[in-house]
């Protein structure tokens, strides 16, 4: 499925997509309210990769396969997500 798929887009806009995300991977446990607000404002094509990583625990390769995009595209999207999220979050 591609990120443009209606079901996938509906999921990333639901509360279910955000439940259970703790931010341990990036060291943001205490800042998760701010992180989740920033994630929610991301464009869908960026939002889906970070949610699939944090919520589902998927690897870059698994995300690429799930979204039917290249591994390089997933890596680029993570790079963009980190730039956006790190603008106002502490680096640990």
PDB file of N, CA and C in Angstrom:
ATOM      1  N   UNK A   1       0.850  -1.188   0.000  1.00  0.00           N
ATOM      2  CA  UNK A   1       0.000   0.000   0.000  1.00  0.00           C
ATOM      3  C   UNK A   1       0.885   1.237   0.000  1.00  0.00           C
ATOM      4  N   UNK A   2       0.387   2.277  -0.595  1.00  0.00           N
ATOM      5  CA  UNK A   2       1.120   3.529  -0.623  1.00  0.00           C
ATOM      6  C   UNK A   2       0.548   4.475   0.433  1.00  0.00           C
ATOM      7  N   UNK A   3       1.324   5.473   0.816  1.00  0.00           N
ATOM      8  CA  UNK A   3       0.893   6.414   1.848  1.00  0.00           C
ATOM      9  C   UNK A   3      -0.391   7.139   1.439  1.00  0.00           C
ATOM     10  N   UNK A   4      -0.646   7.250   0.141  1.00  0.00           N
ATOM     11  CA  UNK A   4      -1.846   7.936  -0.319  1.00  0.00           C
ATOM     12  C   UNK A   4      -3.102   7.101  -0.080  1.00  0.00           C
ATOM     13  N   UNK A   5      -2.957   5.850   0.274  1.00  0.00           N
ATOM     14  CA  UNK A   5      -4.090   4.977   0.532  1.00  0.00           C
ATOM     15  C   UNK A   5      -4.980   5.583   1.611  1.00  0.00           C
ATOM     16  N   UNK A   6      -6.291   5.626   1.358  1.00  0.00           N
ATOM     17  CA  UNK A   6      -7.233   6.282   2.268  1.00  0.00           C
ATOM     18  C   UNK A   6      -7.198   5.699   3.677  1.00  0.00           C
ATOM     19  N   UNK A   7      -7.116   4.380   3.789  1.00  0.00           N
ATOM     20  CA  UNK A   7      -7.085   3.747   5.104  1.00  0.00           C
ATOM     21  C   UNK A   7      -5.850   4.181   5.888  1.00  0.00           C
ATOM     22  N   UNK A   8      -4.709   4.211   5.242  1.00  0.00           N
ATOM     23  CA  UNK A   8      -3.462   4.620   5.890  1.00  0.00           C
ATOM     24  C   UNK A   8      -3.561   6.082   6.336  1.00  0.00           C
ATOM     25  N   UNK A   9      -4.079   6.945   5.478  1.00  0.00           N
ATOM     26  CA  UNK A   9      -4.230   8.356   5.823  1.00  0.00           C
ATOM     27  C   UNK A   9      -5.194   8.551   6.983  1.00  0.00           C
ATOM     28  N   UNK A  10      -6.276   7.788   7.007  1.00  0.00           N
ATOM     29  CA  UNK A  10      -7.213   7.892   8.120  1.00  0.00           C
ATOM     30  C   UNK A  10      -6.550   7.457   9.419  1.00  0.00           C
ATOM     31  N   UNK A  11      -5.769   6.386   9.361  1.00  0.00           N
ATOM     32  CA  UNK A  11      -5.103   5.860  10.552  1.00  0.00           C
ATOM     33  C   UNK A  11      -4.144   6.876  11.149  1.00  0.00           C
ATOM     34  N   UNK A  12      -3.325   7.523  10.312  1.00  0.00           N
ATOM     35  CA  UNK A  12      -2.333   8.455  10.865  1.00  0.00           C
ATOM     36  C   UNK A  12      -2.974   9.697  11.452  1.00  0.00           C
ATOM     37  N   UNK A  13      -4.237   9.929  11.171  1.00  0.00           N
ATOM     38  CA  UNK A  13      -4.939  11.074  11.751  1.00  0.00           C
ATOM     39  C   UNK A  13      -5.789  10.669  12.951  1.00  0.00           C
ATOM     40  N   UNK A  14      -5.702   9.422  13.352  1.00  0.00           N
ATOM     41  CA  UNK A  14      -6.508   8.950  14.484  1.00  0.00           C
ATOM     42  C   UNK A  14      -5.674   8.950  15.769  1.00  0.00           C
ATOM     43  N   UNK A  15      -6.355   8.976  16.893  1.00  0.00           N
ATOM     44  CA  UNK A  15      -5.675   8.891  18.190  1.00  0.00           C
ATOM     45  C   UNK A  15      -4.963   7.555  18.346  1.00  0.00           C
ATOM     46  N   UNK A  16      -5.506   6.507  17.739  1.00  0.00           N
ATOM     47  CA  UNK A  16      -4.902   5.180  17.826  1.00  0.00           C
ATOM     48  C   UNK A  16      -3.465   5.188  17.316  1.00  0.00           C
ATOM     49  N   UNK A  17      -3.195   5.976  16.305  1.00  0.00           N
ATOM     50  CA  UNK A  17      -1.849   6.034  15.740  1.00  0.00           C
ATOM     51  C   UNK A  17      -0.833   6.562  16.754  1.00  0.00           C
ATOM     52  N   UNK A  18      -1.293   7.373  17.686  1.00  0.00           N
ATOM     53  CA  UNK A  18      -0.390   7.998  18.653  1.00  0.00           C
ATOM     54  C   UNK A  18      -0.336   7.292  20.006  1.00  0.00           C
ATOM     55  N   UNK A  19      -1.270   6.409  20.278  1.00  0.00           N
ATOM     56  CA  UNK A  19      -1.289   5.760  21.587  1.00  0.00           C
ATOM     57  C   UNK A  19      -0.095   4.827  21.734  1.00  0.00           C
ATOM     58  N   UNK A  20       0.535   4.881  22.861  1.00  0.00           N
ATOM     59  CA  UNK A  20       1.665   4.003  23.136  1.00  0.00           C
ATOM     60  C   UNK A  20       3.001   4.527  22.669  1.00  0.00           C
ATOM     61  N   UNK A  21       3.042   5.695  22.058  1.00  0.00           N
ATOM     62  CA  UNK A  21       4.317   6.271  21.625  1.00  0.00           C
ATOM     63  C   UNK A  21       4.956   6.953  22.824  1.00  0.00           C
ATOM     64  N   UNK A  22       6.181   6.552  23.149  1.00  0.00           N
ATOM     65  CA  UNK A  22       6.845   7.082  24.339  1.00  0.00           C
ATOM     66  C   UNK A  22       8.083   7.908  24.037  1.00  0.00           C
ATOM     67  N   UNK A  23       8.628   7.839  22.853  1.00  0.00           N
ATOM     68  CA  UNK A  23       9.759   8.680  22.481  1.00  0.00           C
ATOM     69  C   UNK A  23      11.106   8.236  22.974  1.00  0.00           C
ATOM     70  N   UNK A  24      11.207   7.010  23.458  1.00  0.00           N
ATOM     71  CA  UNK A  24      12.475   6.535  24.002  1.00  0.00           C
ATOM     72  C   UNK A  24      13.583   6.510  22.960  1.00  0.00           C
ATOM     73  N   UNK A  25      13.219   6.206  21.723  1.00  0.00           N
ATOM     74  CA  UNK A  25      14.217   6.081  20.667  1.00  0.00           C
ATOM     75  C   UNK A  25      15.022   7.366  20.495  1.00  0.00           C
ATOM     76  N   UNK A  26      14.386   8.518  20.704  1.00  0.00           N
ATOM     77  CA  UNK A  26      15.055   9.795  20.520  1.00  0.00           C
ATOM     78  C   UNK A  26      15.390  10.492  21.833  1.00  0.00           C
ATOM     79  N   UNK A  27      15.097   9.855  22.968  1.00  0.00           N
ATOM     80  CA  UNK A  27      15.387  10.454  24.263  1.00  0.00           C
ATOM     81  C   UNK A  27      14.437  11.575  24.637  1.00  0.00           C
ATOM     82  N   UNK A  28      13.200  11.516  24.157  1.00  0.00           N
ATOM     83  CA  UNK A  28      12.244  12.597  24.367  1.00  0.00           C
ATOM     84  C   UNK A  28      11.093  12.197  25.266  1.00  0.00           C
ATOM     85  N   UNK A  29      11.283  11.322  26.210  1.00  0.00           N
ATOM     86  CA  UNK A  29      10.178  10.854  27.043  1.00  0.00           C
ATOM     87  C   UNK A  29       9.423  12.014  27.690  1.00  0.00           C
ATOM     88  N   UNK A  30      10.138  12.985  28.238  1.00  0.00           N
ATOM     89  CA  UNK A  30       9.508  14.095  28.949  1.00  0.00           C
ATOM     90  C   UNK A  30       8.869  15.113  28.006  1.00  0.00           C
ATOM     91  N   UNK A  31       9.331  15.157  26.772  1.00  0.00           N
ATOM     92  CA  UNK A  31       8.844  16.150  25.814  1.00  0.00           C
ATOM     93  C   UNK A  31       7.798  15.591  24.864  1.00  0.00           C
ATOM     94  N   UNK A  32       7.238  14.414  25.156  1.00  0.00           N
ATOM     95  CA  UNK A  32       6.379  13.738  24.191  1.00  0.00           C
ATOM     96  C   UNK A  32       5.121  14.523  23.831  1.00  0.00           C
ATOM     97  N   UNK A  33       4.577  15.306  24.725  1.00  0.00           N
ATOM     98  CA  UNK A  33       3.403  16.105  24.367  1.00  0.00           C
ATOM     99  C   UNK A  33       3.757  17.057  23.233  1.00  0.00           C
ATOM    100  N   UNK A  34       4.876  17.741  23.369  1.00  0.00           N
ATOM    101  CA  UNK A  34       5.328  18.653  22.323  1.00  0.00           C
ATOM    102  C   UNK A  34       5.678  17.891  21.049  1.00  0.00           C
ATOM    103  N   UNK A  35       6.350  16.755  21.193  1.00  0.00           N
ATOM    104  CA  UNK A  35       6.731  15.942  20.038  1.00  0.00           C
ATOM    105  C   UNK A  35       5.489  15.500  19.279  1.00  0.00           C
ATOM    106  N   UNK A  36       4.487  14.999  19.979  1.00  0.00           N
ATOM    107  CA  UNK A  36       3.275  14.521  19.321  1.00  0.00           C
ATOM    108  C   UNK A  36       2.535  15.653  18.608  1.00  0.00           C
ATOM    109  N   UNK A  37       2.536  16.833  19.195  1.00  0.00           N
ATOM    110  CA  UNK A  37       1.914  17.974  18.530  1.00  0.00           C
ATOM    111  C   UNK A  37       2.655  18.314  17.241  1.00  0.00           C
ATOM    112  N   UNK A  38       3.983  18.263  17.293  1.00  0.00           N
ATOM    113  CA  UNK A  38       4.777  18.557  16.105  1.00  0.00           C
ATOM    114  C   UNK A  38       4.599  17.463  15.049  1.00  0.00           C
ATOM    115  N   UNK A  39       4.541  16.202  15.484  1.00  0.00           N
ATOM    116  CA  UNK A  39       4.318  15.102  14.544  1.00  0.00           C
ATOM    117  C   UNK A  39       2.970  15.281  13.860  1.00  0.00           C
ATOM    118  N   UNK A  40       1.957  15.660  14.616  1.00  0.00           N
ATOM    119  CA  UNK A  40       0.616  15.825  14.064  1.00  0.00           C
ATOM    120  C   UNK A  40       0.574  16.891  12.975  1.00  0.00           C
ATOM    121  N   UNK A  41       1.466  17.860  13.046  1.00  0.00           N
ATOM    122  CA  UNK A  41       1.486  18.947  12.064  1.00  0.00           C
ATOM    123  C   UNK A  41       2.334  18.615  10.823  1.00  0.00           C
ATOM    124  N   UNK A  42       3.043  17.489  10.852  1.00  0.00           N
ATOM    125  CA  UNK A  42       3.854  17.101   9.700  1.00  0.00           C
ATOM    126  C   UNK A  42       2.975  16.755   8.504  1.00  0.00           C
ATOM    127  N   UNK A  43       3.502  16.932   7.296  1.00  0.00           N
ATOM    128  CA  UNK A  43       2.777  16.426   6.121  1.00  0.00           C
ATOM    129  C   UNK A  43       2.626  14.908   6.241  1.00  0.00           C
ATOM    130  N   UNK A  44       1.560  14.363   5.679  1.00  0.00           N
ATOM    131  CA  UNK A  44       1.258  12.944   5.824  1.00  0.00           C
ATOM    132  C   UNK A  44       2.414  12.035   5.417  1.00  0.00           C
ATOM    133  N   UNK A  45       3.127  12.376   4.329  1.00  0.00           N
ATOM    134  CA  UNK A  45       4.196  11.493   3.864  1.00  0.00           C
ATOM    135  C   UNK A  45       5.363  11.428   4.852  1.00  0.00           C
ATOM    136  N   UNK A  46       5.519  12.443   5.693  1.00  0.00           N
ATOM    137  CA  UNK A  46       6.541  12.405   6.746  1.00  0.00           C
ATOM    138  C   UNK A  46       5.977  11.801   8.022  1.00  0.00           C
ATOM    139  N   UNK A  47       4.744  12.141   8.321  1.00  0.00           N
ATOM    140  CA  UNK A  47       4.099  11.656   9.541  1.00  0.00           C
ATOM    141  C   UNK A  47       4.046  10.129   9.588  1.00  0.00           C
ATOM    142  N   UNK A  48       3.741   9.513   8.465  1.00  0.00           N
ATOM    143  CA  UNK A  48       3.553   8.065   8.463  1.00  0.00           C
ATOM    144  C   UNK A  48       4.847   7.323   8.810  1.00  0.00           C
ATOM    145  N   UNK A  49       6.003   7.814   8.359  1.00  0.00           N
ATOM    146  CA  UNK A  49       7.244   7.080   8.649  1.00  0.00           C
ATOM    147  C   UNK A  49       7.601   7.141  10.130  1.00  0.00           C
ATOM    148  N   UNK A  50       7.382   8.275  10.770  1.00  0.00           N
ATOM    149  CA  UNK A  50       7.729   8.390  12.182  1.00  0.00           C
ATOM    150  C   UNK A  50       6.737   7.607  13.042  1.00  0.00           C
ATOM    151  N   UNK A  51       5.480   7.595  12.657  1.00  0.00           N
ATOM    152  CA  UNK A  51       4.492   6.830  13.421  1.00  0.00           C
ATOM    153  C   UNK A  51       4.739   5.337  13.274  1.00  0.00           C
ATOM    154  N   UNK A  52       5.033   4.901  12.055  1.00  0.00           N
ATOM    155  CA  UNK A  52       5.321   3.475  11.864  1.00  0.00           C
ATOM    156  C   UNK A  52       6.553   3.046  12.657  1.00  0.00           C
ATOM    157  N   UNK A  53       7.530   3.928  12.801  1.00  0.00           N
ATOM    158  CA  UNK A  53       8.726   3.602  13.585  1.00  0.00           C
ATOM    159  C   UNK A  53       8.403   3.572  15.069  1.00  0.00           C
ATOM    160  N   UNK A  54       7.799   4.638  15.570  1.00  0.00           N
ATOM    161  CA  UNK A  54       7.562   4.757  17.007  1.00  0.00           C
ATOM    162  C   UNK A  54       6.444   3.853  17.503  1.00  0.00           C
ATOM    163  N   UNK A  55       5.378   3.745  16.752  1.00  0.00           N
ATOM    164  CA  UNK A  55       4.206   2.971  17.198  1.00  0.00           C
ATOM    165  C   UNK A  55       4.345   1.488  16.881  1.00  0.00           C
ATOM    166  N   UNK A  56       4.752   1.183  15.660  1.00  0.00           N
ATOM    167  CA  UNK A  56       4.803  -0.204  15.211  1.00  0.00           C
ATOM    168  C   UNK A  56       6.187  -0.818  15.340  1.00  0.00           C
ATOM    169  N   UNK A  57       7.205   0.015  15.562  1.00  0.00           N
ATOM    170  CA  UNK A  57       8.559  -0.502  15.724  1.00  0.00           C
ATOM    171  C   UNK A  57       9.168  -1.035  14.435  1.00  0.00           C
ATOM    172  N   UNK A  58       8.688  -0.553  13.291  1.00  0.00           N
ATOM    173  CA  UNK A  58       9.193  -1.046  12.013  1.00  0.00           C
ATOM    174  C   UNK A  58      10.575  -0.470  11.708  1.00  0.00           C
ATOM    175  N   UNK A  59      11.383  -1.253  11.027  1.00  0.00           N
ATOM    176  CA  UNK A  59      12.687  -0.787  10.547  1.00  0.00           C
ATOM    177  C   UNK A  59      12.478   0.040   9.283  1.00  0.00           C
ATOM    178  N   UNK A  60      13.523   0.719   8.849  1.00  0.00           N
ATOM    179  CA  UNK A  60      13.429   1.483   7.606  1.00  0.00           C
ATOM    180  C   UNK A  60      13.025   0.581   6.441  1.00  0.00           C
ATOM    181  N   UNK A  61      13.633  -0.601   6.368  1.00  0.00           N
ATOM    182  CA  UNK A  61      13.317  -1.536   5.281  1.00  0.00           C
ATOM    183  C   UNK A  61      11.852  -1.971   5.345  1.00  0.00           C
ATOM    184  N   UNK A  62      11.359  -2.253   6.533  1.00  0.00           N
ATOM    185  CA  UNK A  62       9.961  -2.664   6.685  1.00  0.00           C
ATOM    186  C   UNK A  62       8.998  -1.536   6.311  1.00  0.00           C
ATOM    187  N   UNK A  63       9.368  -0.307   6.674  1.00  0.00           N
ATOM    188  CA  UNK A  63       8.543   0.847   6.314  1.00  0.00           C
ATOM    189  C   UNK A  63       8.518   1.008   4.793  1.00  0.00           C
ATOM    190  N   UNK A  64       9.678   0.862   4.160  1.00  0.00           N
ATOM    191  CA  UNK A  64       9.756   0.964   2.701  1.00  0.00           C
ATOM    192  C   UNK A  64       8.857  -0.074   2.038  1.00  0.00           C
ATOM    193  N   UNK A  65       8.908  -1.291   2.531  1.00  0.00           N
ATOM    194  CA  UNK A  65       8.080  -2.355   1.965  1.00  0.00           C
ATOM    195  C   UNK A  65       6.600  -2.088   2.217  1.00  0.00           C
ATOM    196  N   UNK A  66       6.265  -1.669   3.417  1.00  0.00           N
ATOM    197  CA  UNK A  66       4.868  -1.406   3.767  1.00  0.00           C
ATOM    198  C   UNK A  66       4.276  -0.297   2.897  1.00  0.00           C
ATOM    199  N   UNK A  67       5.054   0.767   2.683  1.00  0.00           N
ATOM    200  CA  UNK A  67       4.572   1.909   1.912  1.00  0.00           C
ATOM    201  C   UNK A  67       4.843   1.781   0.415  1.00  0.00           C
ATOM    202  N   UNK A  68       5.570   0.726   0.042  1.00  0.00           N
ATOM    203  CA  UNK A  68       5.919   0.506  -1.358  1.00  0.00           C
ATOM    204  C   UNK A  68       6.727   1.679  -1.922  1.00  0.00           C
ATOM    205  N   UNK A  69       7.725   2.101  -1.145  1.00  0.00           N
ATOM    206  CA  UNK A  69       8.643   3.156  -1.560  1.00  0.00           C
ATOM    207  C   UNK A  69      10.062   2.646  -1.347  1.00  0.00           C
ATOM    208  N   UNK A  70      11.036   3.357  -1.878  1.00  0.00           N
ATOM    209  CA  UNK A  70      12.414   2.900  -1.752  1.00  0.00           C
ATOM    210  C   UNK A  70      12.955   3.150  -0.344  1.00  0.00           C
ATOM    211  N   UNK A  71      13.967   2.382   0.011  1.00  0.00           N
ATOM    212  CA  UNK A  71      14.645   2.563   1.292  1.00  0.00           C
ATOM    213  C   UNK A  71      15.241   3.963   1.380  1.00  0.00           C
ATOM    214  N   UNK A  72      15.802   4.445   0.298  1.00  0.00           N
ATOM    215  CA  UNK A  72      16.387   5.802   0.273  1.00  0.00           C
ATOM    216  C   UNK A  72      15.314   6.860   0.556  1.00  0.00           C
ATOM    217  N   UNK A  73      14.108   6.643   0.060  1.00  0.00           N
ATOM    218  CA  UNK A  73      13.017   7.588   0.313  1.00  0.00           C
ATOM    219  C   UNK A  73      12.662   7.607   1.792  1.00  0.00           C
ATOM    220  N   UNK A  74      12.608   6.434   2.404  1.00  0.00           N
ATOM    221  CA  UNK A  74      12.333   6.354   3.845  1.00  0.00           C
ATOM    222  C   UNK A  74      13.432   7.082   4.614  1.00  0.00           C
ATOM    223  N   UNK A  75      14.680   6.842   4.279  1.00  0.00           N
ATOM    224  CA  UNK A  75      15.797   7.496   4.969  1.00  0.00           C
ATOM    225  C   UNK A  75      15.725   9.011   4.808  1.00  0.00           C
ATOM    226  N   UNK A  76      15.397   9.475   3.613  1.00  0.00           N
ATOM    227  CA  UNK A  76      15.271  10.906   3.370  1.00  0.00           C
ATOM    228  C   UNK A  76      14.135  11.500   4.207  1.00  0.00           C
ATOM    229  N   UNK A  77      13.016  10.781   4.256  1.00  0.00           N
ATOM    230  CA  UNK A  77      11.881  11.279   5.040  1.00  0.00           C
ATOM    231  C   UNK A  77      12.214  11.352   6.523  1.00  0.00           C
ATOM    232  N   UNK A  78      12.956  10.378   7.042  1.00  0.00           N
ATOM    233  CA  UNK A  78      13.378  10.441   8.440  1.00  0.00           C
ATOM    234  C   UNK A  78      14.301  11.637   8.666  1.00  0.00           C
ATOM    235  N   UNK A  79      15.154  11.890   7.722  1.00  0.00           N
ATOM    236  CA  UNK A  79      16.045  13.047   7.819  1.00  0.00           C
ATOM    237  C   UNK A  79      15.213  14.330   7.922  1.00  0.00           C
ATOM    238  N   UNK A  80      14.194  14.452   7.080  1.00  0.00           N
ATOM    239  CA  UNK A  80      13.326  15.628   7.111  1.00  0.00           C
ATOM    240  C   UNK A  80      12.558  15.722   8.431  1.00  0.00           C
ATOM    241  N   UNK A  81      12.053  14.585   8.920  1.00  0.00           N
ATOM    242  CA  UNK A  81      11.322  14.558  10.192  1.00  0.00           C
ATOM    243  C   UNK A  81      12.223  15.047  11.322  1.00  0.00           C
ATOM    244  N   UNK A  82      13.445  14.557  11.367  1.00  0.00           N
ATOM    245  CA  UNK A  82      14.373  14.948  12.437  1.00  0.00           C
ATOM    246  C   UNK A  82      14.671  16.440  12.382  1.00  0.00           C
ATOM    247  N   UNK A  83      14.826  16.977  11.191  1.00  0.00           N
ATOM    248  CA  UNK A  83      15.077  18.417  11.061  1.00  0.00           C
ATOM    249  C   UNK A  83      13.912  19.207  11.651  1.00  0.00           C
ATOM    250  N   UNK A  84      12.697  18.834  11.291  1.00  0.00           N
ATOM    251  CA  UNK A  84      11.506  19.543  11.788  1.00  0.00           C
ATOM    252  C   UNK A  84      11.375  19.397  13.297  1.00  0.00           C
ATOM    253  N   UNK A  85      11.515  18.170  13.802  1.00  0.00           N
ATOM    254  CA  UNK A  85      11.313  17.936  15.231  1.00  0.00           C
ATOM    255  C   UNK A  85      12.421  18.546  16.090  1.00  0.00           C
ATOM    256  N   UNK A  86      13.632  18.573  15.578  1.00  0.00           N
ATOM    257  CA  UNK A  86      14.739  19.086  16.383  1.00  0.00           C
ATOM    258  C   UNK A  86      14.800  20.602  16.460  1.00  0.00           C
ATOM    259  N   UNK A  87      14.029  21.292  15.631  1.00  0.00           N
ATOM    260  CA  UNK A  87      14.044  22.747  15.645  1.00  0.00           C
ATOM    261  C   UNK A  87      13.733  23.323  17.020  1.00  0.00           C
ATOM    262  N   UNK A  88      12.808  22.684  17.739  1.00  0.00           N
ATOM    263  CA  UNK A  88      12.416  23.240  19.046  1.00  0.00           C
ATOM    264  C   UNK A  88      12.493  22.224  20.153  1.00  0.00           C
ATOM    265  N   UNK A  89      13.192  21.141  19.917  1.00  0.00           N
ATOM    266  CA  UNK A  89      13.333  20.120  20.959  1.00  0.00           C
ATOM    267  C   UNK A  89      14.785  20.041  21.395  1.00  0.00           C
ATOM    268  N   UNK A  90      14.997  19.731  22.670  1.00  0.00           N
ATOM    269  CA  UNK A  90      16.369  19.603  23.144  1.00  0.00           C
ATOM    270  C   UNK A  90      17.047  18.386  22.531  1.00  0.00           C
ATOM    271  N   UNK A  91      18.310  18.529  22.192  1.00  0.00           N
ATOM    272  CA  UNK A  91      19.101  17.416  21.679  1.00  0.00           C
ATOM    273  C   UNK A  91      19.782  16.739  22.851  1.00  0.00           C
ATOM    274  N   UNK A  92      19.648  15.413  22.915  1.00  0.00           N
ATOM    275  CA  UNK A  92      20.244  14.680  24.029  1.00  0.00           C
ATOM    276  C   UNK A  92      21.346  13.785  23.544  1.00  0.00           C
TER     277      UNK A  92
END
